[in-house]
Amino acid sequence: MTHRPPVPPFTRETAIEKVRLAEDGWNTRDPERVVLAYTKDSRWRNRAEFATGRDEITAFLRRKWARELDYRLVKELWAFTENRIAVRFAYEWRDDAGNWFRSYGNENWEFDEDGLMRNRYASINDLPIRESERKFHWPQGRRPDDHPSLSELGL
């Protein structure tokens, strides 16, 4: 797909829609599906790792979800302009030893005219949590519409 609505210029409503679509995609944990939201030459910084192009992004996502088990993500719009969106997010996951984490972060996104993301810059911090402290309990996949947002959860 070379056209991925909503497309710039963004309004508040279309920016919120774009954020939710990105969240929904990432919650599939399907690298081949997720990568289609990015330009073929998309550039990323994720923590201290850099990726350019769909092949590198796909490889990154495969490694990520092989390591971050039971992954559940919530994103929230922070700000937007004509072709840029800033989000804050939190996701919960466990490692293969059963240790739980909540990862917090911010992302800055830039889109091309077709609504594909050409730049993604993510800063993320991991907080070890007890399983009893988890807040994201829906079944794997899309977050239910009635699940509280980050702001509603006080995150």
N, C-alpha and C. Protein backbone atom coordinates (compact mmCIF):
# COMPACT_ATOMS: atom_id res chain seq x y z
N MET A 1 0.85 -1.18 0.00
CA MET A 1 0.00 0.00 0.00
C MET A 1 0.89 1.23 0.00
N THR A 2 0.64 2.14 -0.91
CA THR A 2 1.44 3.36 -0.96
C THR A 2 0.68 4.56 -0.41
N HIS A 3 -0.59 4.38 -0.10
CA HIS A 3 -1.41 5.46 0.47
C HIS A 3 -1.99 4.93 1.78
N ARG A 4 -1.71 5.62 2.89
CA ARG A 4 -2.10 5.10 4.21
C ARG A 4 -2.82 6.19 4.99
N PRO A 5 -4.13 6.35 4.79
CA PRO A 5 -4.87 7.37 5.51
C PRO A 5 -4.91 7.10 7.02
N PRO A 6 -5.12 8.14 7.80
CA PRO A 6 -5.22 9.53 7.37
C PRO A 6 -3.86 10.09 6.95
N VAL A 7 -3.92 11.06 6.07
CA VAL A 7 -2.71 11.65 5.50
C VAL A 7 -2.59 13.11 5.94
N PRO A 8 -1.36 13.65 5.91
CA PRO A 8 -1.19 15.07 6.23
C PRO A 8 -1.91 15.95 5.20
N PRO A 9 -2.26 17.16 5.59
CA PRO A 9 -2.05 17.78 6.90
C PRO A 9 -3.04 17.22 7.94
N PHE A 10 -2.52 17.00 9.15
CA PHE A 10 -3.32 16.41 10.21
C PHE A 10 -4.15 17.46 10.93
N THR A 11 -5.33 17.04 11.34
CA THR A 11 -6.16 17.79 12.29
C THR A 11 -6.02 17.04 13.62
N ARG A 12 -6.55 17.60 14.68
CA ARG A 12 -6.51 16.88 15.96
C ARG A 12 -7.16 15.50 15.83
N GLU A 13 -8.30 15.45 15.16
CA GLU A 13 -9.03 14.19 15.01
C GLU A 13 -8.24 13.18 14.19
N THR A 14 -7.65 13.61 13.07
CA THR A 14 -6.91 12.65 12.24
C THR A 14 -5.59 12.25 12.88
N ALA A 15 -5.00 13.14 13.68
CA ALA A 15 -3.78 12.77 14.41
C ALA A 15 -4.09 11.70 15.46
N ILE A 16 -5.21 11.87 16.17
CA ILE A 16 -5.63 10.87 17.16
C ILE A 16 -5.90 9.54 16.46
N GLU A 17 -6.55 9.58 15.31
CA GLU A 17 -6.82 8.36 14.54
C GLU A 17 -5.51 7.68 14.11
N LYS A 18 -4.54 8.48 13.66
CA LYS A 18 -3.26 7.92 13.21
C LYS A 18 -2.54 7.25 14.38
N VAL A 19 -2.59 7.85 15.55
CA VAL A 19 -1.95 7.28 16.74
C VAL A 19 -2.60 5.95 17.09
N ARG A 20 -3.93 5.90 17.06
CA ARG A 20 -4.62 4.64 17.41
C ARG A 20 -4.33 3.56 16.37
N LEU A 21 -4.27 3.91 15.11
CA LEU A 21 -3.94 2.93 14.08
C LEU A 21 -2.53 2.37 14.28
N ALA A 22 -1.60 3.24 14.66
CA ALA A 22 -0.24 2.78 14.94
C ALA A 22 -0.23 1.84 16.14
N GLU A 23 -0.93 2.21 17.20
CA GLU A 23 -1.03 1.35 18.38
C GLU A 23 -1.61 -0.02 18.00
N ASP A 24 -2.71 0.00 17.25
CA ASP A 24 -3.35 -1.25 16.85
C ASP A 24 -2.38 -2.13 16.05
N GLY A 25 -1.64 -1.51 15.15
CA GLY A 25 -0.68 -2.27 14.36
C GLY A 25 0.38 -2.92 15.23
N TRP A 26 0.98 -2.14 16.11
CA TRP A 26 2.04 -2.67 16.97
C TRP A 26 1.51 -3.76 17.90
N ASN A 27 0.26 -3.65 18.34
CA ASN A 27 -0.29 -4.67 19.21
C ASN A 27 -0.55 -6.00 18.50
N THR A 28 -0.48 -6.02 17.17
CA THR A 28 -0.55 -7.30 16.45
C THR A 28 0.74 -8.09 16.62
N ARG A 29 1.84 -7.39 16.88
CA ARG A 29 3.18 -7.97 16.96
C ARG A 29 3.53 -8.73 15.67
N ASP A 30 3.07 -8.21 14.55
CA ASP A 30 3.32 -8.80 13.24
C ASP A 30 4.23 -7.87 12.44
N PRO A 31 5.55 -8.13 12.45
CA PRO A 31 6.49 -7.22 11.79
C PRO A 31 6.16 -6.95 10.33
N GLU A 32 5.72 -7.97 9.59
CA GLU A 32 5.42 -7.79 8.17
C GLU A 32 4.23 -6.87 7.95
N ARG A 33 3.30 -6.85 8.87
CA ARG A 33 2.15 -5.95 8.78
C ARG A 33 2.54 -4.54 9.24
N VAL A 34 3.24 -4.46 10.37
CA VAL A 34 3.61 -3.17 10.94
C VAL A 34 4.47 -2.36 9.98
N VAL A 35 5.42 -3.01 9.34
CA VAL A 35 6.38 -2.30 8.49
C VAL A 35 5.72 -1.59 7.30
N LEU A 36 4.53 -2.02 6.93
CA LEU A 36 3.83 -1.39 5.79
C LEU A 36 3.38 0.03 6.09
N ALA A 37 3.43 0.45 7.35
CA ALA A 37 3.07 1.83 7.71
C ALA A 37 4.23 2.80 7.49
N TYR A 38 5.39 2.28 7.09
CA TYR A 38 6.60 3.09 6.95
C TYR A 38 7.04 3.16 5.49
N THR A 39 7.69 4.26 5.12
CA THR A 39 8.21 4.36 3.77
C THR A 39 9.29 3.31 3.56
N LYS A 40 9.56 3.00 2.31
CA LYS A 40 10.57 1.98 2.01
C LYS A 40 11.95 2.37 2.53
N ASP A 41 12.20 3.68 2.64
CA ASP A 41 13.50 4.17 3.13
C ASP A 41 13.38 4.85 4.50
N SER A 42 12.35 4.49 5.25
CA SER A 42 12.11 5.09 6.56
C SER A 42 13.35 4.99 7.44
N ARG A 43 13.55 6.03 8.26
CA ARG A 43 14.69 6.07 9.18
C ARG A 43 14.17 6.08 10.60
N TRP A 44 14.80 5.24 11.43
CA TRP A 44 14.41 5.09 12.82
C TRP A 44 15.58 5.29 13.76
N ARG A 45 15.25 5.82 14.93
CA ARG A 45 16.11 5.66 16.10
C ARG A 45 15.19 5.12 17.18
N ASN A 46 15.54 3.95 17.70
CA ASN A 46 14.77 3.33 18.77
C ASN A 46 15.76 3.06 19.90
N ARG A 47 15.64 3.82 20.98
CA ARG A 47 16.64 3.80 22.05
C ARG A 47 17.98 4.17 21.43
N ALA A 48 18.96 3.25 21.46
CA ALA A 48 20.28 3.53 20.87
C ALA A 48 20.49 2.75 19.57
N GLU A 49 19.41 2.21 19.01
CA GLU A 49 19.52 1.42 17.79
C GLU A 49 18.96 2.23 16.62
N PHE A 50 19.66 2.14 15.48
CA PHE A 50 19.26 2.86 14.28
C PHE A 50 18.90 1.85 13.20
N ALA A 51 17.83 2.12 12.46
CA ALA A 51 17.41 1.26 11.36
C ALA A 51 17.01 2.14 10.20
N THR A 52 17.32 1.69 8.99
CA THR A 52 16.92 2.39 7.78
C THR A 52 16.32 1.39 6.82
N GLY A 53 15.11 1.67 6.37
CA GLY A 53 14.45 0.83 5.39
C GLY A 53 13.65 -0.29 6.02
N ARG A 54 12.72 -0.80 5.24
CA ARG A 54 11.79 -1.81 5.75
C ARG A 54 12.46 -3.10 6.17
N ASP A 55 13.50 -3.53 5.48
CA ASP A 55 14.16 -4.79 5.85
C ASP A 55 14.77 -4.68 7.25
N GLU A 56 15.48 -3.58 7.53
CA GLU A 56 16.08 -3.40 8.84
C GLU A 56 15.02 -3.23 9.93
N ILE A 57 13.93 -2.53 9.59
CA ILE A 57 12.85 -2.33 10.56
C ILE A 57 12.18 -3.67 10.88
N THR A 58 11.94 -4.47 9.86
CA THR A 58 11.33 -5.79 10.08
C THR A 58 12.22 -6.65 10.97
N ALA A 59 13.51 -6.66 10.70
CA ALA A 59 14.45 -7.44 11.53
C ALA A 59 14.45 -6.93 12.97
N PHE A 60 14.41 -5.62 13.15
CA PHE A 60 14.35 -5.04 14.48
C PHE A 60 13.10 -5.51 15.22
N LEU A 61 11.94 -5.43 14.56
CA LEU A 61 10.68 -5.81 15.20
C LEU A 61 10.65 -7.30 15.54
N ARG A 62 11.20 -8.13 14.69
CA ARG A 62 11.28 -9.57 15.00
C ARG A 62 12.09 -9.81 16.28
N ARG A 63 13.25 -9.14 16.38
CA ARG A 63 14.08 -9.28 17.59
C ARG A 63 13.34 -8.76 18.82
N LYS A 64 12.70 -7.63 18.66
CA LYS A 64 11.98 -6.99 19.77
C LYS A 64 10.93 -7.93 20.34
N TRP A 65 10.06 -8.46 19.48
CA TRP A 65 8.94 -9.25 19.98
C TRP A 65 9.34 -10.69 20.32
N ALA A 66 10.52 -11.11 19.93
CA ALA A 66 11.03 -12.40 20.40
C ALA A 66 11.53 -12.26 21.84
N ARG A 67 11.93 -11.05 22.22
CA ARG A 67 12.47 -10.76 23.55
C ARG A 67 11.40 -10.21 24.49
N GLU A 68 10.49 -9.40 23.98
CA GLU A 68 9.45 -8.74 24.79
C GLU A 68 8.15 -9.55 24.66
N LEU A 69 7.95 -10.48 25.57
CA LEU A 69 6.81 -11.40 25.52
C LEU A 69 5.58 -10.79 26.17
N ASP A 70 4.41 -11.24 25.75
CA ASP A 70 3.12 -10.74 26.28
C ASP A 70 3.01 -9.22 26.19
N TYR A 71 3.51 -8.66 25.09
CA TYR A 71 3.57 -7.23 24.82
C TYR A 71 2.17 -6.64 24.65
N ARG A 72 1.90 -5.55 25.38
CA ARG A 72 0.66 -4.78 25.24
C ARG A 72 1.01 -3.30 25.33
N LEU A 73 0.53 -2.53 24.38
CA LEU A 73 0.94 -1.13 24.19
C LEU A 73 -0.25 -0.19 24.22
N VAL A 74 -0.05 0.99 24.83
CA VAL A 74 -1.01 2.08 24.77
C VAL A 74 -0.25 3.34 24.33
N LYS A 75 -0.76 4.01 23.29
CA LYS A 75 -0.18 5.27 22.82
C LYS A 75 -1.18 6.39 23.04
N GLU A 76 -0.64 7.61 23.18
CA GLU A 76 -1.50 8.78 23.37
C GLU A 76 -0.89 9.97 22.63
N LEU A 77 -1.72 10.69 21.92
CA LEU A 77 -1.27 11.88 21.21
C LEU A 77 -0.73 12.91 22.19
N TRP A 78 0.42 13.48 21.89
CA TRP A 78 0.98 14.55 22.70
C TRP A 78 0.85 15.87 21.96
N ALA A 79 1.25 15.89 20.68
CA ALA A 79 1.19 17.12 19.89
C ALA A 79 1.24 16.75 18.41
N PHE A 80 0.88 17.71 17.54
CA PHE A 80 0.93 17.45 16.11
C PHE A 80 1.08 18.76 15.35
N THR A 81 1.59 18.65 14.13
CA THR A 81 1.61 19.76 13.17
C THR A 81 1.11 19.18 11.85
N GLU A 82 1.37 19.86 10.77
CA GLU A 82 0.86 19.42 9.47
C GLU A 82 1.24 17.98 9.13
N ASN A 83 2.53 17.62 9.25
CA ASN A 83 2.95 16.25 8.87
C ASN A 83 3.75 15.55 9.97
N ARG A 84 3.65 16.07 11.19
CA ARG A 84 4.38 15.47 12.31
C ARG A 84 3.44 15.20 13.47
N ILE A 85 3.74 14.12 14.18
CA ILE A 85 2.97 13.75 15.37
C ILE A 85 3.95 13.35 16.46
N ALA A 86 3.70 13.81 17.67
CA ALA A 86 4.47 13.38 18.85
C ALA A 86 3.51 12.59 19.74
N VAL A 87 3.98 11.44 20.21
CA VAL A 87 3.17 10.60 21.08
C VAL A 87 3.96 10.26 22.33
N ARG A 88 3.21 9.91 23.37
CA ARG A 88 3.81 9.27 24.54
C ARG A 88 3.16 7.90 24.62
N PHE A 89 3.86 6.97 25.21
CA PHE A 89 3.33 5.61 25.25
C PHE A 89 3.85 4.87 26.46
N ALA A 90 3.18 3.76 26.74
CA ALA A 90 3.65 2.81 27.74
C ALA A 90 3.28 1.43 27.21
N TYR A 91 4.17 0.49 27.45
CA TYR A 91 3.82 -0.90 27.14
C TYR A 91 4.36 -1.79 28.23
N GLU A 92 3.66 -2.91 28.41
CA GLU A 92 4.06 -3.90 29.40
C GLU A 92 4.47 -5.17 28.69
N TRP A 93 5.45 -5.84 29.28
CA TRP A 93 5.98 -7.07 28.68
C TRP A 93 6.75 -7.83 29.75
N ARG A 94 7.03 -9.08 29.44
CA ARG A 94 7.85 -9.89 30.34
C ARG A 94 8.98 -10.51 29.53
N ASP A 95 10.06 -10.82 30.23
CA ASP A 95 11.16 -11.53 29.57
C ASP A 95 10.95 -13.03 29.73
N ASP A 96 11.85 -13.82 29.15
CA ASP A 96 11.67 -15.27 29.18
C ASP A 96 11.90 -15.88 30.56
N ALA A 97 12.38 -15.08 31.50
CA ALA A 97 12.53 -15.55 32.89
C ALA A 97 11.30 -15.19 33.74
N GLY A 98 10.31 -14.52 33.12
CA GLY A 98 9.09 -14.17 33.84
C GLY A 98 9.13 -12.83 34.54
N ASN A 99 10.17 -12.03 34.32
CA ASN A 99 10.26 -10.69 34.91
C ASN A 99 9.43 -9.72 34.09
N TRP A 100 8.60 -8.93 34.77
CA TRP A 100 7.72 -7.97 34.10
C TRP A 100 8.34 -6.58 34.09
N PHE A 101 8.00 -5.83 33.04
CA PHE A 101 8.48 -4.46 32.86
C PHE A 101 7.34 -3.61 32.30
N ARG A 102 7.40 -2.32 32.63
CA ARG A 102 6.60 -1.32 31.94
C ARG A 102 7.60 -0.37 31.31
N SER A 103 7.50 -0.23 30.01
CA SER A 103 8.40 0.65 29.28
C SER A 103 7.63 1.92 28.93
N TYR A 104 8.24 3.07 29.25
CA TYR A 104 7.64 4.37 28.99
C TYR A 104 8.46 5.07 27.92
N GLY A 105 7.78 5.85 27.09
CA GLY A 105 8.56 6.57 26.10
C GLY A 105 7.80 7.64 25.37
N ASN A 106 8.56 8.29 24.50
CA ASN A 106 8.06 9.33 23.62
C ASN A 106 8.56 9.03 22.22
N GLU A 107 7.73 9.32 21.25
CA GLU A 107 8.11 9.16 19.85
C GLU A 107 7.78 10.42 19.09
N ASN A 108 8.64 10.74 18.15
CA ASN A 108 8.39 11.82 17.20
C ASN A 108 8.32 11.19 15.82
N TRP A 109 7.24 11.47 15.11
CA TRP A 109 6.98 10.87 13.81
C TRP A 109 6.89 11.96 12.74
N GLU A 110 7.39 11.65 11.55
CA GLU A 110 7.22 12.52 10.38
C GLU A 110 6.69 11.68 9.23
N PHE A 111 5.67 12.19 8.55
CA PHE A 111 4.99 11.44 7.50
C PHE A 111 5.19 12.06 6.13
N ASP A 112 5.13 11.21 5.10
CA ASP A 112 5.14 11.73 3.74
C ASP A 112 3.70 12.07 3.34
N GLU A 113 3.52 12.55 2.13
CA GLU A 113 2.19 13.00 1.68
C GLU A 113 1.18 11.85 1.56
N ASP A 114 1.65 10.62 1.51
CA ASP A 114 0.75 9.47 1.41
C ASP A 114 0.40 8.89 2.78
N GLY A 115 0.87 9.51 3.86
CA GLY A 115 0.55 9.04 5.19
C GLY A 115 1.46 7.93 5.70
N LEU A 116 2.57 7.67 4.99
CA LEU A 116 3.56 6.70 5.46
C LEU A 116 4.59 7.41 6.32
N MET A 117 5.02 6.75 7.39
CA MET A 117 5.99 7.37 8.29
C MET A 117 7.38 7.27 7.69
N ARG A 118 8.04 8.42 7.54
CA ARG A 118 9.38 8.41 6.97
C ARG A 118 10.48 8.54 8.03
N ASN A 119 10.12 9.09 9.19
CA ASN A 119 11.07 9.20 10.30
C ASN A 119 10.37 8.87 11.60
N ARG A 120 11.07 8.10 12.45
CA ARG A 120 10.56 7.74 13.77
C ARG A 120 11.72 7.80 14.75
N TYR A 121 11.57 8.62 15.79
CA TYR A 121 12.59 8.76 16.81
C TYR A 121 11.96 8.42 18.15
N ALA A 122 12.45 7.35 18.80
CA ALA A 122 11.85 6.87 20.04
C ALA A 122 12.86 6.90 21.18
N SER A 123 12.43 7.43 22.31
CA SER A 123 13.19 7.41 23.55
C SER A 123 12.38 6.61 24.55
N ILE A 124 13.01 5.59 25.16
CA ILE A 124 12.27 4.63 25.97
C ILE A 124 13.06 4.29 27.24
N ASN A 125 12.34 4.17 28.35
CA ASN A 125 12.91 3.73 29.62
C ASN A 125 12.10 2.54 30.13
N ASP A 126 12.80 1.57 30.72
CA ASP A 126 12.16 0.37 31.24
C ASP A 126 12.11 0.42 32.77
N LEU A 127 10.95 0.10 33.31
CA LEU A 127 10.76 0.04 34.75
C LEU A 127 10.38 -1.38 35.13
N PRO A 128 11.18 -2.06 35.93
CA PRO A 128 10.77 -3.39 36.41
C PRO A 128 9.52 -3.24 37.28
N ILE A 129 8.54 -4.11 37.07
CA ILE A 129 7.33 -4.11 37.88
C ILE A 129 7.02 -5.55 38.32
N ARG A 130 6.21 -5.65 39.37
CA ARG A 130 5.71 -6.96 39.77
C ARG A 130 4.53 -7.30 38.87
N GLU A 131 4.29 -8.57 38.68
CA GLU A 131 3.14 -8.97 37.86
C GLU A 131 1.85 -8.36 38.42
N SER A 132 1.75 -8.22 39.74
CA SER A 132 0.56 -7.66 40.38
C SER A 132 0.38 -6.16 40.08
N GLU A 133 1.43 -5.50 39.58
CA GLU A 133 1.36 -4.07 39.25
C GLU A 133 0.94 -3.81 37.80
N ARG A 134 0.77 -4.86 37.04
CA ARG A 134 0.37 -4.69 35.64
C ARG A 134 -0.96 -3.96 35.54
N LYS A 135 -1.11 -3.16 34.48
CA LYS A 135 -2.34 -2.41 34.24
C LYS A 135 -2.99 -2.80 32.91
N PHE A 136 -2.25 -3.51 32.06
CA PHE A 136 -2.74 -3.86 30.72
C PHE A 136 -3.04 -5.37 30.69
N HIS A 137 -4.31 -5.72 30.80
CA HIS A 137 -4.70 -7.12 30.94
C HIS A 137 -5.56 -7.65 29.80
N TRP A 138 -5.78 -6.90 28.75
CA TRP A 138 -6.65 -7.40 27.68
C TRP A 138 -5.97 -8.56 26.95
N PRO A 139 -6.75 -9.39 26.26
CA PRO A 139 -6.14 -10.48 25.48
C PRO A 139 -5.21 -9.91 24.41
N GLN A 140 -4.18 -10.66 24.02
CA GLN A 140 -3.24 -10.18 22.99
C GLN A 140 -4.01 -9.63 21.80
N GLY A 141 -3.50 -8.55 21.25
CA GLY A 141 -4.14 -7.92 20.10
C GLY A 141 -4.57 -6.50 20.44
N ARG A 142 -5.56 -6.02 19.71
CA ARG A 142 -6.03 -4.65 19.83
C ARG A 142 -6.53 -4.34 21.24
N ARG A 143 -6.15 -3.18 21.74
CA ARG A 143 -6.64 -2.72 23.04
C ARG A 143 -8.14 -2.42 22.90
N PRO A 144 -8.95 -2.92 23.84
CA PRO A 144 -10.40 -2.64 23.77
C PRO A 144 -10.67 -1.13 23.85
N ASP A 145 -11.69 -0.69 23.16
CA ASP A 145 -12.04 0.74 23.13
C ASP A 145 -12.36 1.29 24.50
N ASP A 146 -12.86 0.46 25.41
CA ASP A 146 -13.22 0.95 26.74
C ASP A 146 -12.08 0.84 27.75
N HIS A 147 -10.90 0.42 27.31
CA HIS A 147 -9.75 0.34 28.22
C HIS A 147 -9.25 1.76 28.51
N PRO A 148 -8.92 2.07 29.76
CA PRO A 148 -8.45 3.42 30.08
C PRO A 148 -7.21 3.83 29.29
N SER A 149 -7.12 5.12 29.03
CA SER A 149 -5.96 5.70 28.34
C SER A 149 -4.82 5.87 29.36
N LEU A 150 -3.66 6.28 28.86
CA LEU A 150 -2.54 6.55 29.76
C LEU A 150 -2.90 7.63 30.78
N SER A 151 -3.54 8.68 30.32
CA SER A 151 -3.93 9.76 31.24
C SER A 151 -4.91 9.26 32.29
N GLU A 152 -5.88 8.46 31.86
CA GLU A 152 -6.86 7.92 32.81
C GLU A 152 -6.24 6.99 33.82
N LEU A 153 -5.16 6.30 33.43
CA LEU A 153 -4.46 5.39 34.34
C LEU A 153 -3.43 6.11 35.22
N GLY A 154 -3.24 7.40 34.97
CA GLY A 154 -2.24 8.15 35.73
C GLY A 154 -0.82 7.85 35.31
N LEU A 155 -0.67 7.36 34.10
CA LEU A 155 0.66 7.06 33.58
C LEU A 155 1.16 8.20 32.70
